[in-house]
Amino acid sequence: MNTDQKSIWTRRAVLRRLSAASCAGLYGLGAHPAAAEPPPETGTMIVNDAPVLCVAPQHLAEAFLRMEGFTDIQYPGYKGAISEIQALGEGALDITAGLVTDFIAGIDAGAPVVVLAGLHAGCLETFANDRVPSLRDLAGKKVAITGPGDHMHVFLSSVAAYIGLDPARDIEWVVERNFRDWPRLLEDGQVDVVAAFPPQTYAIREMGFAHVILDNTTDDPWRHYFCCMVTARRRHVRQYPVATKRALRAFVKAIQFCSIEPERAAPLLVERGITSR
C-alpha cells in the first residue's frame, strides 16, 4: 500500500469513528461530553428552528450540543423577527445557520453578530413562471420577498445587479411575510419569481408550473461561494468563548453526520417536522 492509499484509509477510518460517535449521540447510546478542555461557561444554547432542509445540521445539532456540555438547548424560532440577523441582534438566538446575504447586509448595517464558519455551498433555487424565460429577463417582473432587506431581497438584488439591472428601479418587489404562500402566488401570477430552499423547492418542482432560472449550487459564479454560514451574537461570543467554540464544534459534527449518514439523518428530520418525508 503506497502513501496515498494509507492516507485515504486513514481518513476513512477517522470518518467511520466520527460517524459512529455521531450516531451514538443521536440515538442516546452512552455518548459523553467532551472533557479535554474547560466546560462551557453556560449550559444554555438558543438555536434557530428554521423550517428548511439546507440547515439540516442545525436541526440535528442538539445531541452533539449535549455531548459538548450544554444542558438547556432551545429551538424557539425567530420569535417575531423577520430574519436570523434580527433575531440574533434582539437576543432571541445565540447561534444560527442562515443565508450569507442576510449576515453580510446585517454586519454592514452594524448588527452585533460574528460569522463563525461556512456551513455549505449551494441550496437556493430561483423559480420563475413563463413570463421570465431566463435570469436576464428579470426586468419589470414581480419578485416575492418577506420584507425589504430580508435575505431573499438582498440575494436577488445582488443577482440583478450582477446581470446589469438596477434592483430598486427594474424589479417590483412583492412583500408576502409568509414564504409558504409564495408557490401559490407564483402559480396565480401574483408574482413572477420566487427564490426558495428545500423542501419548498421540491414542492414547487412537483407542481410543474415553474422552471429554475438560477441554482446557486451549480451556476457560476454563485456556486463558488458559501450559501449558508454559522453566525452568533457578538455579546455571546465575547461572554462565552468556550461555549461558542463547543457549539460550533457541535455544528461541524452535525454537518459530518448529515454528509456521512444521510440515511440516518433524513428520518430524524422527518421526526422533527422539518420535512414530511
C-alpha atoms as a PDB file:
ATOM      1  CA  MET A   1       0.000   0.000   0.000  1.00  0.00           C
ATOM      2  CA  ASN A   2       1.510   3.344  -1.046  1.00  0.00           C
ATOM      3  CA  THR A   3       1.493   6.565   0.976  1.00  0.00           C
ATOM      4  CA  ASP A   4      -1.593   7.989  -0.793  1.00  0.00           C
ATOM      5  CA  GLN A   5      -3.571   4.806  -0.137  1.00  0.00           C
ATOM      6  CA  LYS A   6      -2.577   4.864   3.535  1.00  0.00           C
ATOM      7  CA  SER A   7      -3.768   8.471   3.731  1.00  0.00           C
ATOM      8  CA  ILE A   8      -7.100   7.543   2.158  1.00  0.00           C
ATOM      9  CA  TRP A   9      -7.657   4.637   4.534  1.00  0.00           C
ATOM     10  CA  THR A  10      -6.659   6.794   7.480  1.00  0.00           C
ATOM     11  CA  ARG A  11      -9.239   9.398   6.545  1.00  0.00           C
ATOM     12  CA  ARG A  12     -11.870   6.722   6.066  1.00  0.00           C
ATOM     13  CA  ALA A  13     -11.118   5.288   9.484  1.00  0.00           C
ATOM     14  CA  VAL A  14     -11.450   8.726  11.037  1.00  0.00           C
ATOM     15  CA  LEU A  15     -14.767   9.303   9.297  1.00  0.00           C
ATOM     16  CA  ARG A  16     -16.074   5.922  10.429  1.00  0.00           C
ATOM     17  CA  ARG A  17     -15.182   6.718  14.023  1.00  0.00           C
ATOM     18  CA  LEU A  18     -16.792  10.141  13.744  1.00  0.00           C
ATOM     19  CA  SER A  19     -19.899   8.592  12.219  1.00  0.00           C
ATOM     20  CA  ALA A  20     -20.132   6.020  14.988  1.00  0.00           C
ATOM     21  CA  ALA A  21     -19.764   8.695  17.643  1.00  0.00           C
ATOM     22  CA  SER A  22     -22.363  10.826  15.878  1.00  0.00           C
ATOM     23  CA  CYS A  23     -24.886   8.034  15.750  1.00  0.00           C
ATOM     24  CA  ALA A  24     -24.203   7.152  19.375  1.00  0.00           C
ATOM     25  CA  GLY A  25     -25.017  10.705  20.414  1.00  0.00           C
ATOM     26  CA  LEU A  26     -28.103  10.970  18.262  1.00  0.00           C
ATOM     27  CA  TYR A  27     -29.514   7.661  19.397  1.00  0.00           C
ATOM     28  CA  GLY A  28     -28.573   8.053  23.046  1.00  0.00           C
ATOM     29  CA  LEU A  29     -26.030   5.227  23.125  1.00  0.00           C
ATOM     30  CA  GLY A  30     -23.954   6.496  26.003  1.00  0.00           C
ATOM     31  CA  ALA A  31     -22.065   9.421  24.426  1.00  0.00           C
ATOM     32  CA  HIS A  32     -20.240  11.647  26.930  1.00  0.00           C
ATOM     33  CA  PRO A  33     -19.461  15.381  26.815  1.00  0.00           C
ATOM     34  CA  ALA A  34     -16.049  16.402  25.560  1.00  0.00           C
ATOM     35  CA  ALA A  35     -13.702  16.655  28.554  1.00  0.00           C
ATOM     36  CA  ALA A  36     -10.339  17.707  27.123  1.00  0.00           C
ATOM     37  CA  GLU A  37     -10.946  21.413  27.712  1.00  0.00           C
ATOM     38  CA  PRO A  38     -12.929  23.665  30.081  1.00  0.00           C
ATOM     39  CA  PRO A  39     -16.716  23.161  30.142  1.00  0.00           C
ATOM     40  CA  PRO A  40     -18.937  25.790  28.521  1.00  0.00           C
ATOM     41  CA  GLU A  41     -19.434  28.888  30.641  1.00  0.00           C
ATOM     42  CA  THR A  42     -23.199  28.484  30.222  1.00  0.00           C
ATOM     43  CA  GLY A  43     -25.353  25.394  29.882  1.00  0.00           C
ATOM     44  CA  THR A  44     -27.881  27.194  27.688  1.00  0.00           C
ATOM     45  CA  MET A  45     -27.754  27.471  23.901  1.00  0.00           C
ATOM     46  CA  ILE A  46     -30.586  29.020  21.868  1.00  0.00           C
ATOM     47  CA  VAL A  47     -30.603  27.775  18.267  1.00  0.00           C
ATOM     48  CA  ASN A  48     -32.821  28.786  15.371  1.00  0.00           C
ATOM     49  CA  ASP A  49     -35.530  26.377  14.208  1.00  0.00           C
ATOM     50  CA  ALA A  50     -35.907  27.488  10.573  1.00  0.00           C
ATOM     51  CA  PRO A  51     -38.096  25.013   8.610  1.00  0.00           C
ATOM     52  CA  VAL A  52     -35.621  24.483   5.765  1.00  0.00           C
ATOM     53  CA  LEU A  53     -33.505  21.453   4.923  1.00  0.00           C
ATOM     54  CA  CYS A  54     -30.376  23.339   3.899  1.00  0.00           C
ATOM     55  CA  VAL A  55     -29.670  23.952   7.586  1.00  0.00           C
ATOM     56  CA  ALA A  56     -30.271  20.294   8.465  1.00  0.00           C
ATOM     57  CA  PRO A  57     -27.118  20.170  10.644  1.00  0.00           C
ATOM     58  CA  GLN A  58     -28.603  22.907  12.807  1.00  0.00           C
ATOM     59  CA  HIS A  59     -31.711  20.798  13.422  1.00  0.00           C
ATOM     60  CA  LEU A  60     -29.626  17.724  14.270  1.00  0.00           C
ATOM     61  CA  ALA A  61     -27.079  19.515  16.453  1.00  0.00           C
ATOM     62  CA  GLU A  62     -28.940  19.012  19.733  1.00  0.00           C
ATOM     63  CA  ALA A  63     -27.352  15.642  20.551  1.00  0.00           C
ATOM     64  CA  PHE A  64     -23.901  16.993  19.744  1.00  0.00           C
ATOM     65  CA  LEU A  65     -24.523  20.112  21.830  1.00  0.00           C
ATOM     66  CA  ARG A  66     -25.309  17.849  24.783  1.00  0.00           C
ATOM     67  CA  MET A  67     -22.065  15.970  24.136  1.00  0.00           C
ATOM     68  CA  GLU A  68     -20.316  19.347  24.390  1.00  0.00           C
ATOM     69  CA  GLY A  69     -21.779  20.017  27.834  1.00  0.00           C
ATOM     70  CA  PHE A  70     -24.930  22.020  27.117  1.00  0.00           C
ATOM     71  CA  THR A  71     -27.942  21.037  29.222  1.00  0.00           C
ATOM     72  CA  ASP A  72     -30.586  23.583  28.161  1.00  0.00           C
ATOM     73  CA  ILE A  73     -30.900  23.621  24.360  1.00  0.00           C
ATOM     74  CA  GLN A  74     -33.751  25.688  22.959  1.00  0.00           C
ATOM     75  CA  TYR A  75     -35.173  25.907  19.426  1.00  0.00           C
ATOM     76  CA  PRO A  76     -37.624  28.843  19.687  1.00  0.00           C
ATOM     77  CA  GLY A  77     -37.575  30.121  16.097  1.00  0.00           C
ATOM     78  CA  TYR A  78     -37.418  33.831  15.252  1.00  0.00           C
ATOM     79  CA  LYS A  79     -39.883  34.964  17.973  1.00  0.00           C
ATOM     80  CA  GLY A  80     -41.433  37.527  15.632  1.00  0.00           C
ATOM     81  CA  ALA A  81     -38.201  38.687  13.987  1.00  0.00           C
ATOM     82  CA  ILE A  82     -38.153  38.885  10.188  1.00  0.00           C
ATOM     83  CA  SER A  83     -34.750  37.208   9.817  1.00  0.00           C
ATOM     84  CA  GLU A  84     -31.917  35.414  11.598  1.00  0.00           C
ATOM     85  CA  ILE A  85     -29.881  38.609  11.792  1.00  0.00           C
ATOM     86  CA  GLN A  86     -32.698  40.467  13.549  1.00  0.00           C
ATOM     87  CA  ALA A  87     -33.313  37.556  15.935  1.00  0.00           C
ATOM     88  CA  LEU A  88     -29.619  37.445  16.836  1.00  0.00           C
ATOM     89  CA  GLY A  89     -29.457  41.176  17.332  1.00  0.00           C
ATOM     90  CA  GLU A  90     -32.510  41.131  19.606  1.00  0.00           C
ATOM     91  CA  GLY A  91     -31.102  38.286  21.702  1.00  0.00           C
ATOM     92  CA  ALA A  92     -33.755  35.764  20.619  1.00  0.00           C
ATOM     93  CA  LEU A  93     -30.989  33.451  19.344  1.00  0.00           C
ATOM     94  CA  ASP A  94     -27.429  32.652  20.434  1.00  0.00           C
ATOM     95  CA  ILE A  95     -26.297  30.868  17.275  1.00  0.00           C
ATOM     96  CA  THR A  96     -27.811  30.088  13.899  1.00  0.00           C
ATOM     97  CA  ALA A  97     -27.080  28.999  10.361  1.00  0.00           C
ATOM     98  CA  GLY A  98     -28.540  31.096   7.574  1.00  0.00           C
ATOM     99  CA  LEU A  99     -28.143  32.599   4.137  1.00  0.00           C
ATOM    100  CA  VAL A 100     -24.907  34.564   3.901  1.00  0.00           C
ATOM    101  CA  THR A 101     -26.530  37.635   2.295  1.00  0.00           C
ATOM    102  CA  ASP A 102     -28.564  38.192   5.453  1.00  0.00           C
ATOM    103  CA  PHE A 103     -25.394  38.331   7.529  1.00  0.00           C
ATOM    104  CA  ILE A 104     -23.426  40.463   5.061  1.00  0.00           C
ATOM    105  CA  ALA A 105     -26.146  43.097   4.931  1.00  0.00           C
ATOM    106  CA  GLY A 106     -26.653  42.953   8.678  1.00  0.00           C
ATOM    107  CA  ILE A 107     -22.977  43.355   9.518  1.00  0.00           C
ATOM    108  CA  ASP A 108     -22.721  46.209   7.021  1.00  0.00           C
ATOM    109  CA  ALA A 109     -25.588  47.887   8.883  1.00  0.00           C
ATOM    110  CA  GLY A 110     -23.839  47.396  12.238  1.00  0.00           C
ATOM    111  CA  ALA A 111     -25.642  44.294  13.525  1.00  0.00           C
ATOM    112  CA  PRO A 112     -23.907  42.864  16.637  1.00  0.00           C
ATOM    113  CA  VAL A 113     -23.093  39.456  15.184  1.00  0.00           C
ATOM    114  CA  VAL A 114     -20.000  37.370  14.383  1.00  0.00           C
ATOM    115  CA  VAL A 115     -19.716  34.914  11.471  1.00  0.00           C
ATOM    116  CA  LEU A 116     -18.054  31.754  12.791  1.00  0.00           C
ATOM    117  CA  ALA A 117     -17.785  29.413   9.795  1.00  0.00           C
ATOM    118  CA  GLY A 118     -19.242  28.371   6.469  1.00  0.00           C
ATOM    119  CA  LEU A 119     -21.913  25.666   6.551  1.00  0.00           C
ATOM    120  CA  HIS A 120     -22.043  24.642   2.896  1.00  0.00           C
ATOM    121  CA  ALA A 121     -22.102  25.929  -0.676  1.00  0.00           C
ATOM    122  CA  GLY A 122     -25.398  25.861  -2.536  1.00  0.00           C
ATOM    123  CA  CYS A 123     -29.040  25.152  -1.646  1.00  0.00           C
ATOM    124  CA  LEU A 124     -31.021  28.092  -3.026  1.00  0.00           C
ATOM    125  CA  GLU A 125     -33.030  27.844  -6.259  1.00  0.00           C
ATOM    126  CA  THR A 126     -34.841  30.660  -8.031  1.00  0.00           C
ATOM    127  CA  PHE A 127     -38.075  29.714  -9.855  1.00  0.00           C
ATOM    128  CA  ALA A 128     -39.989  31.709 -12.448  1.00  0.00           C
ATOM    129  CA  ASN A 129     -43.176  31.453 -14.497  1.00  0.00           C
ATOM    130  CA  ASP A 130     -43.360  31.586 -18.279  1.00  0.00           C
ATOM    131  CA  ARG A 131     -43.052  35.386 -18.277  1.00  0.00           C
ATOM    132  CA  VAL A 132     -39.408  35.001 -17.237  1.00  0.00           C
ATOM    133  CA  PRO A 133     -37.656  32.607 -19.650  1.00  0.00           C
ATOM    134  CA  SER A 134     -34.225  33.215 -18.132  1.00  0.00           C
ATOM    135  CA  LEU A 135     -32.362  35.138 -15.458  1.00  0.00           C
ATOM    136  CA  ARG A 136     -31.714  38.027 -17.862  1.00  0.00           C
ATOM    137  CA  ASP A 137     -35.476  38.590 -18.229  1.00  0.00           C
ATOM    138  CA  LEU A 138     -35.973  39.829 -14.660  1.00  0.00           C
ATOM    139  CA  ALA A 139     -36.503  43.466 -15.672  1.00  0.00           C
ATOM    140  CA  GLY A 140     -40.031  44.652 -14.939  1.00  0.00           C
ATOM    141  CA  LYS A 141     -41.025  41.444 -13.146  1.00  0.00           C
ATOM    142  CA  LYS A 142     -42.601  40.847  -9.727  1.00  0.00           C
ATOM    143  CA  VAL A 143     -40.425  39.075  -7.156  1.00  0.00           C
ATOM    144  CA  ALA A 144     -41.595  37.755  -3.777  1.00  0.00           C
ATOM    145  CA  ILE A 145     -39.817  38.731  -0.542  1.00  0.00           C
ATOM    146  CA  THR A 146     -40.805  38.618   3.133  1.00  0.00           C
ATOM    147  CA  GLY A 147     -39.876  42.268   3.568  1.00  0.00           C
ATOM    148  CA  PRO A 148     -37.426  44.967   2.442  1.00  0.00           C
ATOM    149  CA  GLY A 149     -33.876  43.986   3.364  1.00  0.00           C
ATOM    150  CA  ASP A 150     -34.618  40.323   4.035  1.00  0.00           C
ATOM    151  CA  HIS A 151     -32.115  37.713   2.835  1.00  0.00           C
ATOM    152  CA  MET A 152     -34.010  36.972  -0.398  1.00  0.00           C
ATOM    153  CA  HIS A 153     -34.268  40.678  -1.166  1.00  0.00           C
ATOM    154  CA  VAL A 154     -30.536  41.141  -0.672  1.00  0.00           C
ATOM    155  CA  PHE A 155     -29.608  37.979  -2.580  1.00  0.00           C
ATOM    156  CA  LEU A 156     -31.810  38.652  -5.607  1.00  0.00           C
ATOM    157  CA  SER A 157     -30.812  42.339  -5.614  1.00  0.00           C
ATOM    158  CA  SER A 158     -27.182  41.245  -5.870  1.00  0.00           C
ATOM    159  CA  VAL A 159     -28.121  38.863  -8.685  1.00  0.00           C
ATOM    160  CA  ALA A 160     -29.968  41.637 -10.514  1.00  0.00           C
ATOM    161  CA  ALA A 161     -27.014  43.987 -10.129  1.00  0.00           C
ATOM    162  CA  TYR A 162     -24.664  41.282 -11.411  1.00  0.00           C
ATOM    163  CA  ILE A 163     -26.625  40.979 -14.662  1.00  0.00           C
ATOM    164  CA  GLY A 164     -26.741  44.755 -15.125  1.00  0.00           C
ATOM    165  CA  LEU A 165     -30.122  45.694 -13.622  1.00  0.00           C
ATOM    166  CA  ASP A 166     -30.985  48.300 -11.030  1.00  0.00           C
ATOM    167  CA  PRO A 167     -32.798  46.254  -8.360  1.00  0.00           C
ATOM    168  CA  ALA A 168     -34.534  49.332  -6.929  1.00  0.00           C
ATOM    169  CA  ARG A 169     -35.858  50.525 -10.288  1.00  0.00           C
ATOM    170  CA  ASP A 170     -36.068  47.484 -12.569  1.00  0.00           C
ATOM    171  CA  ILE A 171     -37.783  44.966 -10.252  1.00  0.00           C
ATOM    172  CA  GLU A 172     -41.146  45.123  -8.496  1.00  0.00           C
ATOM    173  CA  TRP A 173     -40.738  43.601  -5.027  1.00  0.00           C
ATOM    174  CA  VAL A 174     -43.906  41.991  -3.668  1.00  0.00           C
ATOM    175  CA  VAL A 175     -43.986  41.606   0.115  1.00  0.00           C
ATOM    176  CA  GLU A 176     -45.544  38.424   1.491  1.00  0.00           C
ATOM    177  CA  ARG A 177     -44.377  37.671   5.024  1.00  0.00           C
ATOM    178  CA  ASN A 178     -45.447  34.012   4.914  1.00  0.00           C
ATOM    179  CA  PHE A 179     -42.982  32.428   2.481  1.00  0.00           C
ATOM    180  CA  ARG A 180     -45.090  29.250   2.438  1.00  0.00           C
ATOM    181  CA  ASP A 181     -47.596  31.182   0.301  1.00  0.00           C
ATOM    182  CA  TRP A 182     -45.035  32.030  -2.363  1.00  0.00           C
ATOM    183  CA  PRO A 183     -45.700  28.954  -4.556  1.00  0.00           C
ATOM    184  CA  ARG A 184     -49.412  29.879  -4.649  1.00  0.00           C
ATOM    185  CA  LEU A 185     -48.565  33.478  -5.573  1.00  0.00           C
ATOM    186  CA  LEU A 186     -46.302  32.204  -8.341  1.00  0.00           C
ATOM    187  CA  GLU A 187     -48.933  29.798  -9.644  1.00  0.00           C
ATOM    188  CA  ASP A 188     -51.650  32.501  -9.590  1.00  0.00           C
ATOM    189  CA  GLY A 189     -49.429  35.009 -11.394  1.00  0.00           C
ATOM    190  CA  GLN A 190     -49.333  37.449  -8.477  1.00  0.00           C
ATOM    191  CA  VAL A 191     -45.541  37.200  -8.653  1.00  0.00           C
ATOM    192  CA  ASP A 192     -43.234  36.083 -11.441  1.00  0.00           C
ATOM    193  CA  VAL A 193     -40.235  34.910  -9.419  1.00  0.00           C
ATOM    194  CA  VAL A 194     -39.576  33.261  -6.051  1.00  0.00           C
ATOM    195  CA  ALA A 195     -36.348  32.033  -4.516  1.00  0.00           C
ATOM    196  CA  ALA A 196     -36.722  29.024  -2.234  1.00  0.00           C
ATOM    197  CA  PHE A 197     -34.939  26.499  -0.043  1.00  0.00           C
ATOM    198  CA  PRO A 198     -35.660  22.776   0.231  1.00  0.00           C
ATOM    199  CA  PRO A 199     -38.109  21.217   0.992  1.00  0.00           C
ATOM    200  CA  GLN A 200     -40.139  24.007  -0.646  1.00  0.00           C
ATOM    201  CA  THR A 201     -38.054  23.658  -3.817  1.00  0.00           C
ATOM    202  CA  TYR A 202     -39.169  20.022  -4.133  1.00  0.00           C
ATOM    203  CA  ALA A 203     -42.824  21.008  -3.820  1.00  0.00           C
ATOM    204  CA  ILE A 204     -42.530  23.726  -6.461  1.00  0.00           C
ATOM    205  CA  ARG A 205     -40.899  21.290  -8.874  1.00  0.00           C
ATOM    206  CA  GLU A 206     -43.673  18.752  -8.362  1.00  0.00           C
ATOM    207  CA  MET A 207     -46.358  21.373  -9.029  1.00  0.00           C
ATOM    208  CA  GLY A 208     -44.948  21.689 -12.555  1.00  0.00           C
ATOM    209  CA  PHE A 209     -45.861  25.323 -13.259  1.00  0.00           C
ATOM    210  CA  ALA A 210     -42.416  26.907 -12.830  1.00  0.00           C
ATOM    211  CA  HIS A 211     -38.865  26.451 -14.054  1.00  0.00           C
ATOM    212  CA  VAL A 212     -35.473  27.165 -12.481  1.00  0.00           C
ATOM    213  CA  ILE A 213     -33.654  30.283 -13.694  1.00  0.00           C
ATOM    214  CA  LEU A 214     -30.866  30.162 -11.091  1.00  0.00           C
ATOM    215  CA  ASP A 215     -29.408  27.351  -8.997  1.00  0.00           C
ATOM    216  CA  ASN A 216     -26.623  28.577  -6.744  1.00  0.00           C
ATOM    217  CA  THR A 217     -25.391  25.008  -6.269  1.00  0.00           C
ATOM    218  CA  THR A 218     -24.420  24.659  -9.940  1.00  0.00           C
ATOM    219  CA  ASP A 219     -24.465  28.083 -11.618  1.00  0.00           C
ATOM    220  CA  ASP A 220     -21.470  30.402 -11.918  1.00  0.00           C
ATOM    221  CA  PRO A 221     -20.368  32.457 -10.131  1.00  0.00           C
ATOM    222  CA  TRP A 222     -22.646  31.666  -7.180  1.00  0.00           C
ATOM    223  CA  ARG A 223     -21.593  28.022  -6.818  1.00  0.00           C
ATOM    224  CA  HIS A 224     -18.106  29.152  -5.755  1.00  0.00           C
ATOM    225  CA  TYR A 225     -19.313  30.848  -2.581  1.00  0.00           C
ATOM    226  CA  PHE A 226     -20.806  29.767   0.722  1.00  0.00           C
ATOM    227  CA  CYS A 227     -24.580  29.747   0.657  1.00  0.00           C
ATOM    228  CA  CYS A 228     -25.223  29.364   4.394  1.00  0.00           C
ATOM    229  CA  MET A 229     -22.941  30.276   7.277  1.00  0.00           C
ATOM    230  CA  VAL A 230     -22.927  29.801  11.061  1.00  0.00           C
ATOM    231  CA  THR A 231     -23.271  33.061  12.965  1.00  0.00           C
ATOM    232  CA  ALA A 232     -23.587  34.024  16.639  1.00  0.00           C
ATOM    233  CA  ARG A 233     -24.406  37.029  18.783  1.00  0.00           C
ATOM    234  CA  ARG A 234     -21.273  39.111  19.336  1.00  0.00           C
ATOM    235  CA  ARG A 235     -22.023  39.554  23.042  1.00  0.00           C
ATOM    236  CA  HIS A 236     -22.489  35.803  23.452  1.00  0.00           C
ATOM    237  CA  VAL A 237     -19.163  35.093  21.719  1.00  0.00           C
ATOM    238  CA  ARG A 238     -17.298  37.554  23.944  1.00  0.00           C
ATOM    239  CA  GLN A 239     -19.009  36.463  27.155  1.00  0.00           C
ATOM    240  CA  TYR A 240     -18.863  32.726  26.485  1.00  0.00           C
ATOM    241  CA  PRO A 241     -15.876  31.943  24.205  1.00  0.00           C
ATOM    242  CA  VAL A 242     -15.591  28.283  25.259  1.00  0.00           C
ATOM    243  CA  ALA A 243     -19.327  27.755  24.839  1.00  0.00           C
ATOM    244  CA  THR A 244     -19.129  29.324  21.371  1.00  0.00           C
ATOM    245  CA  LYS A 245     -16.267  27.051  20.364  1.00  0.00           C
ATOM    246  CA  ARG A 246     -18.088  23.980  21.628  1.00  0.00           C
ATOM    247  CA  ALA A 247     -21.345  24.983  19.924  1.00  0.00           C
ATOM    248  CA  LEU A 248     -19.554  25.470  16.608  1.00  0.00           C
ATOM    249  CA  ARG A 249     -17.884  22.070  17.028  1.00  0.00           C
ATOM    250  CA  ALA A 250     -21.323  20.541  17.583  1.00  0.00           C
ATOM    251  CA  PHE A 251     -22.486  22.106  14.314  1.00  0.00           C
ATOM    252  CA  VAL A 252     -19.451  20.708  12.481  1.00  0.00           C
ATOM    253  CA  LYS A 253     -20.141  17.232  13.876  1.00  0.00           C
ATOM    254  CA  ALA A 254     -23.750  17.542  12.710  1.00  0.00           C
ATOM    255  CA  ILE A 255     -22.554  18.543   9.226  1.00  0.00           C
ATOM    256  CA  GLN A 256     -20.376  15.423   9.124  1.00  0.00           C
ATOM    257  CA  PHE A 257     -23.268  13.278  10.300  1.00  0.00           C
ATOM    258  CA  CYS A 258     -25.574  14.580   7.562  1.00  0.00           C
ATOM    259  CA  SER A 259     -22.871  14.020   4.932  1.00  0.00           C
ATOM    260  CA  ILE A 260     -21.735  10.573   6.036  1.00  0.00           C
ATOM    261  CA  GLU A 261     -25.021   9.085   7.280  1.00  0.00           C
ATOM    262  CA  PRO A 262     -27.824  10.673   5.214  1.00  0.00           C
ATOM    263  CA  GLU A 263     -29.995   7.569   5.559  1.00  0.00           C
ATOM    264  CA  ARG A 264     -29.926   8.070   9.345  1.00  0.00           C
ATOM    265  CA  ALA A 265     -30.170  11.853   9.268  1.00  0.00           C
ATOM    266  CA  ALA A 266     -33.217  12.049   6.982  1.00  0.00           C
ATOM    267  CA  PRO A 267     -35.667  10.179   9.285  1.00  0.00           C
ATOM    268  CA  LEU A 268     -34.628  12.408  12.171  1.00  0.00           C
ATOM    269  CA  LEU A 269     -35.534  15.494  10.133  1.00  0.00           C
ATOM    270  CA  VAL A 270     -38.943  13.946   9.464  1.00  0.00           C
ATOM    271  CA  GLU A 271     -39.374  13.283  13.188  1.00  0.00           C
ATOM    272  CA  ARG A 272     -38.578  16.935  13.931  1.00  0.00           C
ATOM    273  CA  GLY A 273     -41.217  18.025  11.416  1.00  0.00           C
ATOM    274  CA  ILE A 274     -38.761  19.836   9.155  1.00  0.00           C
ATOM    275  CA  THR A 275     -39.994  17.810   6.175  1.00  0.00           C
ATOM    276  CA  SER A 276     -42.819  15.321   5.719  1.00  0.00           C
ATOM    277  CA  ARG A 277     -40.777  12.587   4.027  1.00  0.00           C
END
